[in-house]
Amino acid sequence: MNGAADLGGMMGFGPVVVKPDGPPFQAEWERRAHAMVIALGAAGHWSIDASRYARESLPPAEYLTSTYYEIWIKALVKLLIAHGLVDADELASRRSLRPGAKLGRVLRPDEVPAVLAARRPYERPAEAAARYAVGDRVRARNMHPTGHTRLPRYARGKIGVIERLHGVHVLPDSNAHGAGEHPGWLYSVRFAATELWGDDADPTLSVSIDAWESYLQAP
């Protein structure tokens, strides 16, 4: 969706400030927020794509004025209500008002290190040959979906070059909404900065994005 999370190439937000290495959490509540999102995600009621969509679909004014982990918590609340694990009146009263729903899985403390270290596989067997090869010129589709997508807005309608094939992977656009995995070929596509942002861009720079085959078409 064309929401507040899709900021690539936009102006007026100031420079990206890279902080030196330090504690991963700035406050104790952020540590707890991270743990809650991981534990409830492991329950299996929604996918990582659904979690990303819940964050990016927050109202723009709310998204842009929230910190990183505030966004995580607000999205988690949306998912909990949508999946019937918590009701809005319980959140308002800050206590349980009825028997809790049964979780698909309970993540136990001794399982956490293995869960965090593991990578859930999203690659799937190829059922058809890849449409494009390394070196092919492609155009990113000019698409404006109301749901989730991983194709950044700044690349839509632009021409790039295939630089790598990653195999067949679950399509986030459908998986985020429980509409099936619809696996497709995933490519790394390189775009010249001048193609993305015009003649004022640095001609020595380029941007590479990972794009599913359904995002691409012949130029």
Foldseek 3Di string as FASTA:
>chain_A
DPFLVQCPPPDDPDDDDDDDDDDPDPDPVLVVLVVVLLQQVVLPPAHVLLLVQLLRPDHNVVNVPDDPSRSSVNSVVVVCCVSVQDHPVCVVVVHDDDDGDDGSDGQDPVCVVVSVPDDDDFADADPDDAPDDFFAKKAFAQDDDPTDAPDRNLRHRFIWTFHAKDHWGFGSRCRSVVNDRPIFTKTWTKAQPCRRPNDVDDRVDIDIDIDGPVRIDHD
